[in-house]
Amino acid sequence: MQERTGINWMRLRAIIENVPSDLDRTKKKEPIKEKTRDKIYKRDKGVCFICGAVGEYGCKNPFNNSTGRHNIHHIIPNGKSADYNLITLCGHCHTVVHELLFVSGKWRYTRV
């Protein structure tokens, strides 16, 4: 089970506020290469940027007991997959960030 140190509300707020409102939604984000994904995960020491949950790929989600994993998140959703634009988030916080971006009008879900 992941242990969380608590939600860092300032970090969560900053992530949402720093996304521009005028994103070019026709532009697709760059896919993250596995090598980059591993590098970011190691850089962040497997700790969620927002809640401090320590986990690995395939760890359990303590909220619904499902198997989840830490994700590498694009800070600017349709931006580059460069180190400066990537952070580690647990599955729960990753969902929260995308929901808040959606509610704020800065992001929208599209069907694949």
PDB file of N, CA and C in Angstrom:
ATOM      1  N   MET A   1       0.836  -1.187   0.000  1.00  0.00           N
ATOM      2  CA  MET A   1       0.000   0.000   0.000  1.00  0.00           C
ATOM      3  C   MET A   1       0.879   1.248   0.000  1.00  0.00           C
ATOM      4  N   GLN A   2       0.458   2.247  -0.725  1.00  0.00           N
ATOM      5  CA  GLN A   2       1.203   3.498  -0.790  1.00  0.00           C
ATOM      6  C   GLN A   2       0.978   4.285   0.488  1.00  0.00           C
ATOM      7  N   GLU A   3       2.026   4.902   0.980  1.00  0.00           N
ATOM      8  CA  GLU A   3       1.875   5.806   2.105  1.00  0.00           C
ATOM      9  C   GLU A   3       1.969   7.223   1.581  1.00  0.00           C
ATOM     10  N   ARG A   4       1.028   8.038   1.963  1.00  0.00           N
ATOM     11  CA  ARG A   4       1.000   9.421   1.508  1.00  0.00           C
ATOM     12  C   ARG A   4       1.400  10.337   2.660  1.00  0.00           C
ATOM     13  N   THR A   5       2.138  11.366   2.339  1.00  0.00           N
ATOM     14  CA  THR A   5       2.529  12.322   3.363  1.00  0.00           C
ATOM     15  C   THR A   5       1.496  13.434   3.495  1.00  0.00           C
ATOM     16  N   GLY A   6       0.556  13.504   2.602  1.00  0.00           N
ATOM     17  CA  GLY A   6      -0.468  14.537   2.623  1.00  0.00           C
ATOM     18  C   GLY A   6      -0.433  15.346   1.343  1.00  0.00           C
ATOM     19  N   ILE A   7      -1.569  15.867   0.974  1.00  0.00           N
ATOM     20  CA  ILE A   7      -1.672  16.648  -0.259  1.00  0.00           C
ATOM     21  C   ILE A   7      -0.933  17.967  -0.090  1.00  0.00           C
ATOM     22  N   ASN A   8      -0.080  18.281  -1.027  1.00  0.00           N
ATOM     23  CA  ASN A   8       0.587  19.578  -1.066  1.00  0.00           C
ATOM     24  C   ASN A   8      -0.282  20.468  -1.952  1.00  0.00           C
ATOM     25  N   TRP A   9      -1.175  21.210  -1.323  1.00  0.00           N
ATOM     26  CA  TRP A   9      -2.170  22.009  -2.044  1.00  0.00           C
ATOM     27  C   TRP A   9      -1.521  23.081  -2.907  1.00  0.00           C
ATOM     28  N   MET A  10      -0.388  23.618  -2.464  1.00  0.00           N
ATOM     29  CA  MET A  10       0.283  24.657  -3.255  1.00  0.00           C
ATOM     30  C   MET A  10       0.814  24.076  -4.563  1.00  0.00           C
ATOM     31  N   ARG A  11       1.355  22.859  -4.509  1.00  0.00           N
ATOM     32  CA  ARG A  11       1.844  22.219  -5.729  1.00  0.00           C
ATOM     33  C   ARG A  11       0.690  21.891  -6.672  1.00  0.00           C
ATOM     34  N   LEU A  12      -0.394  21.378  -6.117  1.00  0.00           N
ATOM     35  CA  LEU A  12      -1.560  21.049  -6.941  1.00  0.00           C
ATOM     36  C   LEU A  12      -2.088  22.306  -7.627  1.00  0.00           C
ATOM     37  N   ARG A  13      -2.231  23.361  -6.865  1.00  0.00           N
ATOM     38  CA  ARG A  13      -2.724  24.626  -7.418  1.00  0.00           C
ATOM     39  C   ARG A  13      -1.798  25.157  -8.505  1.00  0.00           C
ATOM     40  N   ALA A  14      -0.485  25.100  -8.258  1.00  0.00           N
ATOM     41  CA  ALA A  14       0.490  25.601  -9.229  1.00  0.00           C
ATOM     42  C   ALA A  14       0.421  24.824 -10.536  1.00  0.00           C
ATOM     43  N   ILE A  15       0.258  23.511 -10.443  1.00  0.00           N
ATOM     44  CA  ILE A  15       0.171  22.703 -11.664  1.00  0.00           C
ATOM     45  C   ILE A  15      -1.006  23.160 -12.514  1.00  0.00           C
ATOM     46  N   ILE A  16      -2.146  23.397 -11.880  1.00  0.00           N
ATOM     47  CA  ILE A  16      -3.352  23.803 -12.616  1.00  0.00           C
ATOM     48  C   ILE A  16      -3.195  25.232 -13.148  1.00  0.00           C
ATOM     49  N   GLU A  17      -2.736  26.144 -12.307  1.00  0.00           N
ATOM     50  CA  GLU A  17      -2.634  27.551 -12.708  1.00  0.00           C
ATOM     51  C   GLU A  17      -1.585  27.789 -13.784  1.00  0.00           C
ATOM     52  N   ASN A  18      -0.528  26.984 -13.809  1.00  0.00           N
ATOM     53  CA  ASN A  18       0.558  27.214 -14.774  1.00  0.00           C
ATOM     54  C   ASN A  18       0.261  26.679 -16.168  1.00  0.00           C
ATOM     55  N   VAL A  19      -0.837  25.984 -16.340  1.00  0.00           N
ATOM     56  CA  VAL A  19      -1.221  25.534 -17.677  1.00  0.00           C
ATOM     57  C   VAL A  19      -1.931  26.695 -18.371  1.00  0.00           C
ATOM     58  N   PRO A  20      -1.450  27.101 -19.539  1.00  0.00           N
ATOM     59  CA  PRO A  20      -2.080  28.221 -20.244  1.00  0.00           C
ATOM     60  C   PRO A  20      -3.526  27.906 -20.626  1.00  0.00           C
ATOM     61  N   SER A  21      -4.353  28.919 -20.607  1.00  0.00           N
ATOM     62  CA  SER A  21      -5.764  28.748 -20.986  1.00  0.00           C
ATOM     63  C   SER A  21      -5.943  28.623 -22.494  1.00  0.00           C
ATOM     64  N   ASP A  22      -4.952  29.069 -23.247  1.00  0.00           N
ATOM     65  CA  ASP A  22      -5.079  29.096 -24.702  1.00  0.00           C
ATOM     66  C   ASP A  22      -4.247  28.008 -25.380  1.00  0.00           C
ATOM     67  N   LEU A  23      -4.263  26.807 -24.824  1.00  0.00           N
ATOM     68  CA  LEU A  23      -3.506  25.702 -25.417  1.00  0.00           C
ATOM     69  C   LEU A  23      -3.977  25.425 -26.839  1.00  0.00           C
ATOM     70  N   ASP A  24      -3.053  25.111 -27.691  1.00  0.00           N
ATOM     71  CA  ASP A  24      -3.387  24.677 -29.048  1.00  0.00           C
ATOM     72  C   ASP A  24      -3.835  23.220 -28.941  1.00  0.00           C
ATOM     73  N   ARG A  25      -5.128  23.010 -28.955  1.00  0.00           N
ATOM     74  CA  ARG A  25      -5.661  21.662 -28.736  1.00  0.00           C
ATOM     75  C   ARG A  25      -5.535  20.755 -29.952  1.00  0.00           C
ATOM     76  N   THR A  26      -5.079  21.303 -31.065  1.00  0.00           N
ATOM     77  CA  THR A  26      -4.849  20.453 -32.234  1.00  0.00           C
ATOM     78  C   THR A  26      -3.475  19.790 -32.153  1.00  0.00           C
ATOM     79  N   LYS A  27      -2.624  20.336 -31.305  1.00  0.00           N
ATOM     80  CA  LYS A  27      -1.270  19.809 -31.149  1.00  0.00           C
ATOM     81  C   LYS A  27      -1.297  18.626 -30.175  1.00  0.00           C
ATOM     82  N   LYS A  28      -0.690  17.530 -30.566  1.00  0.00           N
ATOM     83  CA  LYS A  28      -0.637  16.346 -29.700  1.00  0.00           C
ATOM     84  C   LYS A  28       0.632  16.393 -28.859  1.00  0.00           C
ATOM     85  N   LYS A  29       0.533  15.860 -27.636  1.00  0.00           N
ATOM     86  CA  LYS A  29       1.723  15.788 -26.798  1.00  0.00           C
ATOM     87  C   LYS A  29       2.671  14.728 -27.346  1.00  0.00           C
ATOM     88  N   GLU A  30       3.944  14.949 -27.096  1.00  0.00           N
ATOM     89  CA  GLU A  30       4.942  13.973 -27.518  1.00  0.00           C
ATOM     90  C   GLU A  30       4.821  12.731 -26.640  1.00  0.00           C
ATOM     91  N   PRO A  31       4.894  11.561 -27.232  1.00  0.00           N
ATOM     92  CA  PRO A  31       4.906  10.354 -26.400  1.00  0.00           C
ATOM     93  C   PRO A  31       6.191  10.321 -25.565  1.00  0.00           C
ATOM     94  N   ILE A  32       6.096   9.705 -24.396  1.00  0.00           N
ATOM     95  CA  ILE A  32       7.253   9.615 -23.512  1.00  0.00           C
ATOM     96  C   ILE A  32       7.965   8.295 -23.788  1.00  0.00           C
ATOM     97  N   LYS A  33       9.217   8.385 -24.141  1.00  0.00           N
ATOM     98  CA  LYS A  33      10.001   7.181 -24.377  1.00  0.00           C
ATOM     99  C   LYS A  33      10.238   6.459 -23.051  1.00  0.00           C
ATOM    100  N   GLU A  34      10.329   5.151 -23.114  1.00  0.00           N
ATOM    101  CA  GLU A  34      10.526   4.353 -21.905  1.00  0.00           C
ATOM    102  C   GLU A  34      11.782   4.777 -21.146  1.00  0.00           C
ATOM    103  N   LYS A  35      12.841   5.092 -21.867  1.00  0.00           N
ATOM    104  CA  LYS A  35      14.089   5.543 -21.246  1.00  0.00           C
ATOM    105  C   LYS A  35      13.871   6.844 -20.465  1.00  0.00           C
ATOM    106  N   THR A  36      13.110   7.773 -21.050  1.00  0.00           N
ATOM    107  CA  THR A  36      12.800   9.040 -20.381  1.00  0.00           C
ATOM    108  C   THR A  36      11.905   8.799 -19.176  1.00  0.00           C
ATOM    109  N   ARG A  37      10.920   7.934 -19.332  1.00  0.00           N
ATOM    110  CA  ARG A  37      10.006   7.589 -18.238  1.00  0.00           C
ATOM    111  C   ARG A  37      10.796   7.062 -17.032  1.00  0.00           C
ATOM    112  N   ASP A  38      11.725   6.164 -17.293  1.00  0.00           N
ATOM    113  CA  ASP A  38      12.552   5.605 -16.220  1.00  0.00           C
ATOM    114  C   ASP A  38      13.423   6.678 -15.577  1.00  0.00           C
ATOM    115  N   LYS A  39      13.971   7.569 -16.394  1.00  0.00           N
ATOM    116  CA  LYS A  39      14.834   8.650 -15.903  1.00  0.00           C
ATOM    117  C   LYS A  39      14.067   9.591 -14.966  1.00  0.00           C
ATOM    118  N   ILE A  40      12.846   9.966 -15.366  1.00  0.00           N
ATOM    119  CA  ILE A  40      12.031  10.875 -14.551  1.00  0.00           C
ATOM    120  C   ILE A  40      11.616  10.192 -13.255  1.00  0.00           C
ATOM    121  N   TYR A  41      11.228   8.937 -13.362  1.00  0.00           N
ATOM    122  CA  TYR A  41      10.815   8.184 -12.179  1.00  0.00           C
ATOM    123  C   TYR A  41      11.970   8.096 -11.180  1.00  0.00           C
ATOM    124  N   LYS A  42      13.169   7.849 -11.676  1.00  0.00           N
ATOM    125  CA  LYS A  42      14.346   7.792 -10.799  1.00  0.00           C
ATOM    126  C   LYS A  42      14.674   9.173 -10.237  1.00  0.00           C
ATOM    127  N   ARG A  43      14.574  10.205 -11.082  1.00  0.00           N
ATOM    128  CA  ARG A  43      14.846  11.573 -10.626  1.00  0.00           C
ATOM    129  C   ARG A  43      13.936  11.947  -9.456  1.00  0.00           C
ATOM    130  N   ASP A  44      12.659  11.562  -9.577  1.00  0.00           N
ATOM    131  CA  ASP A  44      11.675  11.899  -8.554  1.00  0.00           C
ATOM    132  C   ASP A  44      11.638  10.874  -7.420  1.00  0.00           C
ATOM    133  N   LYS A  45      12.501   9.875  -7.498  1.00  0.00           N
ATOM    134  CA  LYS A  45      12.629   8.837  -6.469  1.00  0.00           C
ATOM    135  C   LYS A  45      11.333   8.076  -6.224  1.00  0.00           C
ATOM    136  N   GLY A  46      10.501   7.979  -7.258  1.00  0.00           N
ATOM    137  CA  GLY A  46       9.254   7.229  -7.136  1.00  0.00           C
ATOM    138  C   GLY A  46       8.242   7.865  -6.214  1.00  0.00           C
ATOM    139  N   VAL A  47       8.354   9.178  -5.994  1.00  0.00           N
ATOM    140  CA  VAL A  47       7.469   9.897  -5.071  1.00  0.00           C
ATOM    141  C   VAL A  47       6.529  10.791  -5.868  1.00  0.00           C
ATOM    142  N   CYS A  48       5.240  10.708  -5.557  1.00  0.00           N
ATOM    143  CA  CYS A  48       4.250  11.572  -6.201  1.00  0.00           C
ATOM    144  C   CYS A  48       4.540  13.027  -5.837  1.00  0.00           C
ATOM    145  N   PHE A  49       4.580  13.888  -6.834  1.00  0.00           N
ATOM    146  CA  PHE A  49       4.877  15.304  -6.664  1.00  0.00           C
ATOM    147  C   PHE A  49       3.852  16.006  -5.780  1.00  0.00           C
ATOM    148  N   ILE A  50       2.617  15.519  -5.768  1.00  0.00           N
ATOM    149  CA  ILE A  50       1.550  16.203  -5.042  1.00  0.00           C
ATOM    150  C   ILE A  50       1.320  15.643  -3.645  1.00  0.00           C
ATOM    151  N   CYS A  51       1.163  14.326  -3.525  1.00  0.00           N
ATOM    152  CA  CYS A  51       0.786  13.764  -2.222  1.00  0.00           C
ATOM    153  C   CYS A  51       1.919  13.046  -1.503  1.00  0.00           C
ATOM    154  N   GLY A  52       3.031  12.841  -2.182  1.00  0.00           N
ATOM    155  CA  GLY A  52       4.159  12.191  -1.535  1.00  0.00           C
ATOM    156  C   GLY A  52       4.082  10.683  -1.472  1.00  0.00           C
ATOM    157  N   ALA A  53       3.093  10.087  -2.148  1.00  0.00           N
ATOM    158  CA  ALA A  53       2.986   8.631  -2.143  1.00  0.00           C
ATOM    159  C   ALA A  53       4.221   8.034  -2.788  1.00  0.00           C
ATOM    160  N   VAL A  54       4.774   7.036  -2.118  1.00  0.00           N
ATOM    161  CA  VAL A  54       5.924   6.332  -2.661  1.00  0.00           C
ATOM    162  C   VAL A  54       5.402   5.057  -3.286  1.00  0.00           C
ATOM    163  N   GLY A  55       5.773   4.822  -4.516  1.00  0.00           N
ATOM    164  CA  GLY A  55       5.267   3.627  -5.163  1.00  0.00           C
ATOM    165  C   GLY A  55       6.077   3.263  -6.374  1.00  0.00           C
ATOM    166  N   GLU A  56       5.680   2.176  -6.955  1.00  0.00           N
ATOM    167  CA  GLU A  56       6.319   1.687  -8.158  1.00  0.00           C
ATOM    168  C   GLU A  56       5.249   1.408  -9.181  1.00  0.00           C
ATOM    169  N   TYR A  57       5.676   1.081 -10.362  1.00  0.00           N
ATOM    170  CA  TYR A  57       4.711   0.648 -11.364  1.00  0.00           C
ATOM    171  C   TYR A  57       4.065  -0.627 -10.852  1.00  0.00           C
ATOM    172  N   GLY A  58       2.730  -0.668 -10.865  1.00  0.00           N
ATOM    173  CA  GLY A  58       2.013  -1.850 -10.411  1.00  0.00           C
ATOM    174  C   GLY A  58       1.669  -1.845  -8.936  1.00  0.00           C
ATOM    175  N   CYS A  59       1.852  -0.712  -8.234  1.00  0.00           N
ATOM    176  CA  CYS A  59       1.528  -0.679  -6.806  1.00  0.00           C
ATOM    177  C   CYS A  59       0.013  -0.587  -6.610  1.00  0.00           C
ATOM    178  N   LYS A  60      -0.450  -0.868  -5.406  1.00  0.00           N
ATOM    179  CA  LYS A  60      -1.885  -0.840  -5.108  1.00  0.00           C
ATOM    180  C   LYS A  60      -2.341   0.585  -4.823  1.00  0.00           C
ATOM    181  N   ASN A  61      -3.559   0.903  -5.256  1.00  0.00           N
ATOM    182  CA  ASN A  61      -4.177   2.194  -4.972  1.00  0.00           C
ATOM    183  C   ASN A  61      -4.914   2.057  -3.641  1.00  0.00           C
ATOM    184  N   PRO A  62      -4.513   2.800  -2.586  1.00  0.00           N
ATOM    185  CA  PRO A  62      -5.143   2.633  -1.278  1.00  0.00           C
ATOM    186  C   PRO A  62      -6.584   3.120  -1.222  1.00  0.00           C
ATOM    187  N   PHE A  63      -7.017   3.906  -2.213  1.00  0.00           N
ATOM    188  CA  PHE A  63      -8.366   4.446  -2.183  1.00  0.00           C
ATOM    189  C   PHE A  63      -9.406   3.434  -2.641  1.00  0.00           C
ATOM    190  N   ASN A  64      -9.056   2.598  -3.618  1.00  0.00           N
ATOM    191  CA  ASN A  64     -10.046   1.624  -4.082  1.00  0.00           C
ATOM    192  C   ASN A  64      -9.467   0.214  -4.182  1.00  0.00           C
ATOM    193  N   ASN A  65      -8.269   0.026  -3.643  1.00  0.00           N
ATOM    194  CA  ASN A  65      -7.607  -1.275  -3.575  1.00  0.00           C
ATOM    195  C   ASN A  65      -7.358  -1.903  -4.942  1.00  0.00           C
ATOM    196  N   SER A  66      -7.409  -1.097  -6.000  1.00  0.00           N
ATOM    197  CA  SER A  66      -7.119  -1.628  -7.331  1.00  0.00           C
ATOM    198  C   SER A  66      -5.622  -1.493  -7.594  1.00  0.00           C
ATOM    199  N   THR A  67      -5.160  -2.221  -8.564  1.00  0.00           N
ATOM    200  CA  THR A  67      -3.758  -2.100  -8.922  1.00  0.00           C
ATOM    201  C   THR A  67      -3.606  -0.847  -9.766  1.00  0.00           C
ATOM    202  N   GLY A  68      -2.807   0.049  -9.295  1.00  0.00           N
ATOM    203  CA  GLY A  68      -2.548   1.284 -10.010  1.00  0.00           C
ATOM    204  C   GLY A  68      -1.058   1.423 -10.198  1.00  0.00           C
ATOM    205  N   ARG A  69      -0.620   2.559 -10.641  1.00  0.00           N
ATOM    206  CA  ARG A  69       0.812   2.786 -10.759  1.00  0.00           C
ATOM    207  C   ARG A  69       1.069   4.268 -10.814  1.00  0.00           C
ATOM    208  N   HIS A  70       2.282   4.620 -10.541  1.00  0.00           N
ATOM    209  CA  HIS A  70       2.677   6.010 -10.700  1.00  0.00           C
ATOM    210  C   HIS A  70       2.744   6.305 -12.197  1.00  0.00           C
ATOM    211  N   ASN A  71       2.393   7.517 -12.541  1.00  0.00           N
ATOM    212  CA  ASN A  71       2.404   7.947 -13.931  1.00  0.00           C
ATOM    213  C   ASN A  71       3.397   9.083 -14.101  1.00  0.00           C
ATOM    214  N   ILE A  72       3.885   9.241 -15.303  1.00  0.00           N
ATOM    215  CA  ILE A  72       4.695  10.405 -15.639  1.00  0.00           C
ATOM    216  C   ILE A  72       3.752  11.362 -16.367  1.00  0.00           C
ATOM    217  N   HIS A  73       3.601  12.553 -15.812  1.00  0.00           N
ATOM    218  CA  HIS A  73       2.614  13.542 -16.274  1.00  0.00           C
ATOM    219  C   HIS A  73       3.303  14.680 -17.008  1.00  0.00           C
ATOM    220  N   HIS A  74       2.720  15.088 -18.151  1.00  0.00           N
ATOM    221  CA  HIS A  74       3.159  16.296 -18.861  1.00  0.00           C
ATOM    222  C   HIS A  74       2.600  17.507 -18.116  1.00  0.00           C
ATOM    223  N   ILE A  75       3.441  18.384 -17.646  1.00  0.00           N
ATOM    224  CA  ILE A  75       2.988  19.584 -16.941  1.00  0.00           C
ATOM    225  C   ILE A  75       2.157  20.448 -17.891  1.00  0.00           C
ATOM    226  N   ILE A  76       2.683  20.722 -19.075  1.00  0.00           N
ATOM    227  CA  ILE A  76       1.888  21.353 -20.127  1.00  0.00           C
ATOM    228  C   ILE A  76       1.346  20.194 -20.956  1.00  0.00           C
ATOM    229  N   PRO A  77       0.032  19.959 -20.866  1.00  0.00           N
ATOM    230  CA  PRO A  77      -0.551  18.723 -21.408  1.00  0.00           C
ATOM    231  C   PRO A  77      -0.209  18.377 -22.842  1.00  0.00           C
ATOM    232  N   ASN A  78      -0.077  19.343 -23.714  1.00  0.00           N
ATOM    233  CA  ASN A  78       0.248  18.986 -25.101  1.00  0.00           C
ATOM    234  C   ASN A  78       1.673  19.407 -25.451  1.00  0.00           C
ATOM    235  N   GLY A  79       2.520  19.382 -24.436  1.00  0.00           N
ATOM    236  CA  GLY A  79       3.883  19.847 -24.630  1.00  0.00           C
ATOM    237  C   GLY A  79       4.885  18.757 -24.914  1.00  0.00           C
ATOM    238  N   LYS A  80       6.118  19.149 -24.856  1.00  0.00           N
ATOM    239  CA  LYS A  80       7.232  18.255 -25.148  1.00  0.00           C
ATOM    240  C   LYS A  80       7.452  17.256 -24.008  1.00  0.00           C
ATOM    241  N   SER A  81       8.036  16.134 -24.378  1.00  0.00           N
ATOM    242  CA  SER A  81       8.384  15.112 -23.390  1.00  0.00           C
ATOM    243  C   SER A  81       9.827  15.302 -22.944  1.00  0.00           C
ATOM    244  N   ALA A  82      10.123  16.509 -22.512  1.00  0.00           N
ATOM    245  CA  ALA A  82      11.446  16.856 -22.005  1.00  0.00           C
ATOM    246  C   ALA A  82      11.402  16.843 -20.479  1.00  0.00           C
ATOM    247  N   ASP A  83      12.550  16.654 -19.862  1.00  0.00           N
ATOM    248  CA  ASP A  83      12.630  16.549 -18.400  1.00  0.00           C
ATOM    249  C   ASP A  83      11.893  17.681 -17.679  1.00  0.00           C
ATOM    250  N   TYR A  84      12.037  18.904 -18.161  1.00  0.00           N
ATOM    251  CA  TYR A  84      11.436  20.060 -17.494  1.00  0.00           C
ATOM    252  C   TYR A  84       9.906  20.050 -17.548  1.00  0.00           C
ATOM    253  N   ASN A  85       9.321  19.246 -18.422  1.00  0.00           N
ATOM    254  CA  ASN A  85       7.866  19.224 -18.575  1.00  0.00           C
ATOM    255  C   ASN A  85       7.242  17.935 -18.036  1.00  0.00           C
ATOM    256  N   LEU A  86       7.997  17.161 -17.274  1.00  0.00           N
ATOM    257  CA  LEU A  86       7.500  15.881 -16.786  1.00  0.00           C
ATOM    258  C   LEU A  86       7.686  15.762 -15.278  1.00  0.00           C
ATOM    259  N   ILE A  87       6.665  15.219 -14.617  1.00  0.00           N
ATOM    260  CA  ILE A  87       6.746  14.936 -13.185  1.00  0.00           C
ATOM    261  C   ILE A  87       6.081  13.593 -12.906  1.00  0.00           C
ATOM    262  N   THR A  88       6.418  13.015 -11.766  1.00  0.00           N
ATOM    263  CA  THR A  88       5.828  11.758 -11.332  1.00  0.00           C
ATOM    264  C   THR A  88       4.592  12.053 -10.478  1.00  0.00           C
ATOM    265  N   LEU A  89       3.478  11.412 -10.826  1.00  0.00           N
ATOM    266  CA  LEU A  89       2.249  11.509 -10.046  1.00  0.00           C
ATOM    267  C   LEU A  89       1.707  10.109  -9.806  1.00  0.00           C
ATOM    268  N   CYS A  90       1.109   9.891  -8.640  1.00  0.00           N
ATOM    269  CA  CYS A  90       0.427   8.619  -8.418  1.00  0.00           C
ATOM    270  C   CYS A  90      -0.837   8.633  -9.277  1.00  0.00           C
ATOM    271  N   GLY A  91      -1.427   7.478  -9.478  1.00  0.00           N
ATOM    272  CA  GLY A  91      -2.620   7.386 -10.320  1.00  0.00           C
ATOM    273  C   GLY A  91      -3.748   8.283  -9.833  1.00  0.00           C
ATOM    274  N   HIS A  92      -3.921   8.365  -8.513  1.00  0.00           N
ATOM    275  CA  HIS A  92      -4.997   9.188  -7.946  1.00  0.00           C
ATOM    276  C   HIS A  92      -4.779  10.672  -8.246  1.00  0.00           C
ATOM    277  N   CYS A  93      -3.589  11.176  -7.946  1.00  0.00           N
ATOM    278  CA  CYS A  93      -3.308  12.597  -8.178  1.00  0.00           C
ATOM    279  C   CYS A  93      -3.310  12.929  -9.665  1.00  0.00           C
ATOM    280  N   HIS A  94      -2.870  11.993 -10.498  1.00  0.00           N
ATOM    281  CA  HIS A  94      -2.894  12.209 -11.943  1.00  0.00           C
ATOM    282  C   HIS A  94      -4.326  12.413 -12.427  1.00  0.00           C
ATOM    283  N   THR A  95      -5.232  11.596 -11.914  1.00  0.00           N
ATOM    284  CA  THR A  95      -6.647  11.752 -12.266  1.00  0.00           C
ATOM    285  C   THR A  95      -7.183  13.086 -11.770  1.00  0.00           C
ATOM    286  N   VAL A  96      -6.843  13.453 -10.545  1.00  0.00           N
ATOM    287  CA  VAL A  96      -7.307  14.725  -9.967  1.00  0.00           C
ATOM    288  C   VAL A  96      -6.824  15.901 -10.809  1.00  0.00           C
ATOM    289  N   VAL A  97      -5.552  15.892 -11.211  1.00  0.00           N
ATOM    290  CA  VAL A  97      -5.010  16.990 -12.018  1.00  0.00           C
ATOM    291  C   VAL A  97      -5.782  17.121 -13.329  1.00  0.00           C
ATOM    292  N   HIS A  98      -6.005  16.000 -14.013  1.00  0.00           N
ATOM    293  CA  HIS A  98      -6.718  16.079 -15.289  1.00  0.00           C
ATOM    294  C   HIS A  98      -8.177  16.503 -15.108  1.00  0.00           C
ATOM    295  N   GLU A  99      -8.804  16.069 -14.035  1.00  0.00           N
ATOM    296  CA  GLU A  99     -10.188  16.502 -13.770  1.00  0.00           C
ATOM    297  C   GLU A  99     -10.249  18.000 -13.495  1.00  0.00           C
ATOM    298  N   LEU A 100      -9.310  18.519 -12.711  1.00  0.00           N
ATOM    299  CA  LEU A 100      -9.283  19.958 -12.427  1.00  0.00           C
ATOM    300  C   LEU A 100      -8.975  20.779 -13.683  1.00  0.00           C
ATOM    301  N   LEU A 101      -8.088  20.266 -14.528  1.00  0.00           N
ATOM    302  CA  LEU A 101      -7.822  20.954 -15.798  1.00  0.00           C
ATOM    303  C   LEU A 101      -9.065  20.966 -16.675  1.00  0.00           C
ATOM    304  N   PHE A 102      -9.813  19.876 -16.662  1.00  0.00           N
ATOM    305  CA  PHE A 102     -11.057  19.789 -17.434  1.00  0.00           C
ATOM    306  C   PHE A 102     -12.084  20.791 -16.904  1.00  0.00           C
ATOM    307  N   VAL A 103     -12.281  20.784 -15.594  1.00  0.00           N
ATOM    308  CA  VAL A 103     -13.273  21.685 -14.973  1.00  0.00           C
ATOM    309  C   VAL A 103     -12.896  23.146 -15.199  1.00  0.00           C
ATOM    310  N   SER A 104     -11.602  23.444 -15.200  1.00  0.00           N
ATOM    311  CA  SER A 104     -11.157  24.830 -15.389  1.00  0.00           C
ATOM    312  C   SER A 104     -11.222  25.268 -16.854  1.00  0.00           C
ATOM    313  N   GLY A 105     -11.521  24.340 -17.748  1.00  0.00           N
ATOM    314  CA  GLY A 105     -11.606  24.664 -19.166  1.00  0.00           C
ATOM    315  C   GLY A 105     -10.268  24.645 -19.889  1.00  0.00           C
ATOM    316  N   LYS A 106      -9.222  24.218 -19.187  1.00  0.00           N
ATOM    317  CA  LYS A 106      -7.888  24.207 -19.787  1.00  0.00           C
ATOM    318  C   LYS A 106      -7.598  22.904 -20.507  1.00  0.00           C
ATOM    319  N   TRP A 107      -8.427  21.926 -20.381  1.00  0.00           N
ATOM    320  CA  TRP A 107      -8.212  20.621 -20.992  1.00  0.00           C
ATOM    321  C   TRP A 107      -9.549  20.005 -21.302  1.00  0.00           C
ATOM    322  N   ARG A 108      -9.576  19.181 -22.317  1.00  0.00           N
ATOM    323  CA  ARG A 108     -10.808  18.439 -22.585  1.00  0.00           C
ATOM    324  C   ARG A 108     -10.438  17.026 -23.020  1.00  0.00           C
ATOM    325  N   TYR A 109     -11.332  16.135 -22.701  1.00  0.00           N
ATOM    326  CA  TYR A 109     -11.119  14.747 -23.058  1.00  0.00           C
ATOM    327  C   TYR A 109     -11.598  14.527 -24.485  1.00  0.00           C
ATOM    328  N   THR A 110     -10.879  13.729 -25.211  1.00  0.00           N
ATOM    329  CA  THR A 110     -11.279  13.414 -26.575  1.00  0.00           C
ATOM    330  C   THR A 110     -11.346  11.903 -26.725  1.00  0.00           C
ATOM    331  N   ARG A 111     -12.204  11.472 -27.600  1.00  0.00           N
ATOM    332  CA  ARG A 111     -12.301  10.037 -27.867  1.00  0.00           C
ATOM    333  C   ARG A 111     -11.182   9.628 -28.786  1.00  0.00           C
ATOM    334  N   VAL A 112     -10.672   8.458 -28.536  1.00  0.00           N
ATOM    335  CA  VAL A 112      -9.559   7.947 -29.351  1.00  0.00           C
ATOM    336  C   VAL A 112     -10.111   7.093 -30.456  1.00  0.00           C
TER     337      VAL A 112
END
